[in-house]
Protein backbone atom coordinates (compact mmCIF):
# COMPACT_ATOMS: atom_id res chain seq x y z
CA MET A 1 -21.10 20.27 20.12
CA LYS A 2 -19.05 17.31 21.64
CA LEU A 3 -16.64 15.73 19.67
CA SER A 4 -18.36 12.25 19.51
CA ASP A 5 -21.55 14.03 18.25
CA TYR A 6 -19.40 15.76 15.69
CA ALA A 7 -17.84 12.37 14.57
CA LYS A 8 -21.33 10.90 14.19
CA GLN A 9 -22.61 13.86 12.20
CA GLN A 10 -19.71 13.58 9.78
CA GLY A 11 -19.82 9.87 9.46
CA VAL A 12 -16.45 9.26 10.71
CA ARG A 13 -14.92 7.38 13.79
CA TYR A 14 -14.31 9.18 16.95
CA GLU A 15 -10.60 8.57 16.51
CA THR A 16 -10.74 10.25 13.16
CA ALA A 17 -12.32 13.23 14.50
CA TRP A 18 -9.85 13.44 17.51
CA ARG A 19 -7.16 13.32 14.82
CA TRP A 20 -8.61 16.05 12.93
CA PHE A 21 -8.87 18.04 16.17
CA ARG A 22 -5.29 17.31 17.22
CA ASP A 23 -4.00 18.30 13.94
CA GLY A 24 -6.01 21.48 13.81
CA LYS A 25 -8.23 20.53 11.04
CA ILE A 26 -11.31 21.35 13.03
CA LYS A 27 -11.60 23.95 15.61
CA GLY A 28 -12.68 23.34 19.01
CA HIS A 29 -11.57 23.54 22.69
CA ARG A 30 -11.23 21.07 25.83
CA VAL A 31 -13.66 21.35 28.50
CA GLY A 32 -12.03 19.62 31.62
CA LYS A 33 -9.82 16.66 31.17
CA HIS A 34 -11.71 14.42 28.82
CA THR A 35 -14.14 16.46 26.84
CA VAL A 36 -13.63 18.15 23.46
CA MET A 37 -16.17 20.78 22.30
CA ILE A 38 -16.19 21.55 18.63
CA ASP A 39 -16.83 25.18 17.73
CA GLU A 40 -20.27 25.85 16.18
CA GLY A 41 -20.62 27.39 12.87
CA GLN A 42 -17.57 26.07 11.09
CA GLU A 43 -17.60 24.33 7.85
CA PRO A 44 -17.47 20.71 8.19
CA PHE A 45 -14.19 18.96 7.42
CA SER A 46 -14.30 17.71 3.94
CA ASP A 47 -12.48 15.64 1.32
CA HIS A 48 -10.95 18.80 -0.03
CA GLN A 49 -8.86 19.04 3.08
CA LYS A 50 -7.64 15.65 2.92
CA LYS A 51 -4.04 14.72 2.18
CA VAL A 52 -4.17 12.67 -0.95
CA ALA A 53 -1.39 10.54 -2.63
CA ILE A 54 -1.40 8.96 -6.06
CA TYR A 55 0.15 5.37 -6.56
CA THR A 56 1.12 4.34 -9.99
CA ARG A 57 2.67 0.92 -10.61
CA VAL A 58 3.77 -1.21 -13.61
CA SER A 59 4.84 -4.81 -13.52
CA SER A 60 8.15 -4.54 -15.52
CA ALA A 61 10.65 -1.86 -16.58
CA GLU A 62 9.46 -2.40 -20.07
CA ASN A 63 6.19 -0.87 -19.20
CA LYS A 64 7.88 2.09 -17.22
CA THR A 65 6.55 4.67 -19.76
CA ASN A 66 3.14 3.80 -18.67
CA LEU A 67 3.71 5.19 -15.18
CA ASP A 68 3.86 8.90 -16.30
CA SER A 69 0.40 8.44 -18.32
CA GLN A 70 -1.21 6.60 -15.34
CA ALA A 71 0.15 9.61 -13.00
CA GLU A 72 -1.38 12.12 -15.51
CA ARG A 73 -4.77 10.47 -15.59
CA LEU A 74 -5.02 10.24 -11.77
CA VAL A 75 -3.82 13.83 -11.26
CA ALA A 76 -6.49 14.97 -13.66
CA TYR A 77 -9.02 12.77 -11.68
CA GLY A 78 -7.87 14.20 -8.35
CA ALA A 79 -8.19 17.82 -9.53
CA ALA A 80 -11.66 17.01 -10.83
CA ARG A 81 -12.52 15.75 -7.34
CA GLY A 82 -11.05 18.82 -5.84
CA TYR A 83 -8.29 16.99 -3.91
CA GLN A 84 -4.92 18.63 -3.06
CA ILE A 85 -2.54 15.96 -4.18
CA SER A 86 0.38 15.79 -1.83
CA LYS A 87 2.48 13.00 -3.53
CA VAL A 88 2.63 11.12 -6.74
CA VAL A 89 4.49 7.58 -6.20
CA LYS A 90 5.59 5.77 -9.12
CA GLU A 91 6.81 2.01 -8.71
CA VAL A 92 8.00 -0.75 -10.97
CA GLY A 93 7.15 -4.15 -9.34
CA SER A 94 4.84 -7.10 -9.42
CA GLY A 95 1.41 -6.89 -7.92
CA ILE A 96 2.12 -10.12 -6.03
CA ASN A 97 5.12 -8.67 -4.42
CA ASP A 98 4.17 -7.65 -0.96
CA ALA A 99 7.42 -5.88 -0.29
CA ARG A 100 7.26 -3.04 -2.54
CA PRO A 101 8.99 -0.22 -0.51
CA LYS A 102 7.17 2.75 -2.12
CA PHE A 103 3.66 1.35 -1.51
CA LEU A 104 4.42 0.18 2.02
CA ALA A 105 5.80 3.51 2.74
CA LEU A 106 2.52 5.13 1.62
CA LEU A 107 0.44 2.41 3.74
CA GLU A 108 2.59 3.27 6.93
CA ASP A 109 2.22 6.94 6.43
CA PRO A 110 -0.55 8.11 8.75
CA SER A 111 -0.53 11.66 7.39
CA ILE A 112 -1.97 10.39 3.99
CA ASP A 113 -5.64 10.28 4.11
CA VAL A 114 -6.38 8.80 0.80
CA ILE A 115 -4.40 6.64 -1.78
CA ILE A 116 -5.67 6.79 -5.14
CA VAL A 117 -4.88 4.06 -7.71
CA GLU A 118 -6.25 3.61 -11.20
CA HIS A 119 -7.24 -0.24 -10.76
CA LYS A 120 -7.41 -2.39 -7.75
CA ASP A 121 -4.53 -4.55 -9.03
CA ARG A 122 -2.17 -1.41 -9.07
CA ALA A 123 -2.30 -1.78 -5.32
CA SER A 124 -2.14 -5.54 -5.16
CA ARG A 125 -3.10 -8.48 -7.01
CA PHE A 126 -4.44 -10.18 -4.06
CA GLY A 127 -5.66 -9.04 -0.65
CA VAL A 128 -7.07 -5.63 -1.67
CA ARG A 129 -10.04 -5.95 0.68
CA TYR A 130 -7.53 -6.37 3.56
CA ILE A 131 -5.64 -3.24 2.64
CA GLU A 132 -8.94 -1.25 2.32
CA SER A 133 -10.28 -2.73 5.60
CA LEU A 134 -7.14 -1.67 7.44
CA LEU A 135 -7.10 1.77 5.99
CA ARG A 136 -10.65 2.28 6.84
CA VAL A 137 -9.93 1.37 10.54
CA GLN A 138 -7.33 4.11 10.53
CA GLY A 139 -9.90 6.49 9.07
CA ARG A 140 -8.21 6.44 5.56
CA THR A 141 -9.26 5.11 2.22
CA LEU A 142 -7.99 3.53 -0.85
CA GLU A 143 -9.91 5.10 -3.86
CA VAL A 144 -9.97 2.95 -6.90
CA VAL A 145 -10.71 5.00 -10.00
CA ASN A 146 -11.66 2.30 -12.64
CA GLN A 147 -13.12 -0.79 -11.29
CA ALA A 148 -13.02 -2.50 -14.59
CA GLU A 149 -10.66 -5.27 -15.01
CA ASN A 150 -7.06 -4.37 -16.32
CA GLY A 151 -5.53 -5.72 -19.49
CA THR A 152 -4.04 -9.17 -19.59
CA GLU A 153 -0.52 -7.97 -20.23
CA ASP A 154 0.10 -7.25 -16.69
CA LEU A 155 -1.66 -10.36 -15.58
CA LEU A 156 0.79 -12.44 -17.70
CA ALA A 157 3.74 -10.61 -16.36
CA ASP A 158 2.50 -11.47 -12.95
CA LEU A 159 1.91 -15.23 -13.67
CA THR A 160 5.49 -15.32 -15.28
CA SER A 161 6.57 -13.92 -11.82
CA ILE A 162 4.90 -16.59 -9.76
CA ILE A 163 6.19 -19.35 -12.13
CA SER A 164 9.71 -18.02 -11.90
CA SER A 165 9.60 -17.62 -8.34
CA PHE A 166 8.30 -21.18 -7.90
CA CYS A 167 11.01 -22.51 -10.16
CA ALA A 168 13.85 -20.60 -8.31
CA ARG A 169 12.58 -22.15 -5.23
CA LEU A 170 12.30 -25.55 -6.47
CA TYR A 171 15.77 -25.68 -8.32
CA GLY A 172 17.46 -23.66 -5.49
CA GLN A 173 16.33 -26.39 -2.90
CA ARG A 174 17.58 -29.07 -5.28
CA ARG A 175 20.88 -27.14 -5.77
CA ALA A 176 21.30 -26.78 -1.85
CA LYS A 177 20.54 -30.52 -1.38
CA ARG A 178 23.29 -31.51 -3.95
CA LYS A 179 25.69 -29.13 -2.53
CA THR A 180 25.04 -30.46 0.94
CA GLU A 181 25.69 -34.06 -0.27
CA LYS A 182 28.77 -33.13 -1.92
CA ILE A 183 30.18 -31.68 1.29
CA VAL A 184 29.08 -34.61 3.19
CA GLU A 185 30.85 -36.87 0.62
CA GLN A 186 34.09 -34.84 0.89
CA LEU A 187 33.96 -34.94 4.61
CA GLN A 188 33.58 -38.61 4.50
CA ALA A 189 36.27 -39.16 1.98
CA LYS A 190 38.72 -36.92 4.07
CA GLU A 191 37.76 -39.06 7.31
CA GLU A 192 38.49 -42.29 5.30
CA GLN A 193 41.83 -40.80 4.03
CA ASP A 194 42.76 -39.67 7.54
CA ALA A 195 42.03 -43.14 8.94
CA ILE A 196 44.25 -44.80 6.38
CA SER A 197 47.03 -42.35 7.27
């Protein structure tokens, strides 16, 4: 069976099937320069062979103990689904922070096929659909275990973070403006003093 037909049969993109062939996840052989034939009679590639990572996050260090319980629940979920968990990533940071290094590393790791999170907001407060769409294009998925909304505690922590960030920028700009004005005044005073001398 041609690789393109195999991809259609499995319901995946051609690029995903090619990656599976290249990585040895499915058996086949090349015919000529551009054709790949998949060996007949083999078991279809399934979720059980996918490389799965679990991502847990809390908004603040005060909730750090919740990371372990999140991880335990997700490991149990993955085991029930028959996944082989290759990574469990725990991170403390706001869901509105788009520069969380551990989450970014997971997104940038092409060897991870599935990222499991407990709630959508564990991945991000905003733009989860973009993350899901980009992963889908790569033949990867973000699997959300619980679609229900999370408690208000994390939401309030994120709101506080937004307000703090806004205030820091606002007051930081005022402070920078005052500092610049002070430097200009000092330079003008020095210039006047030099003119008198």
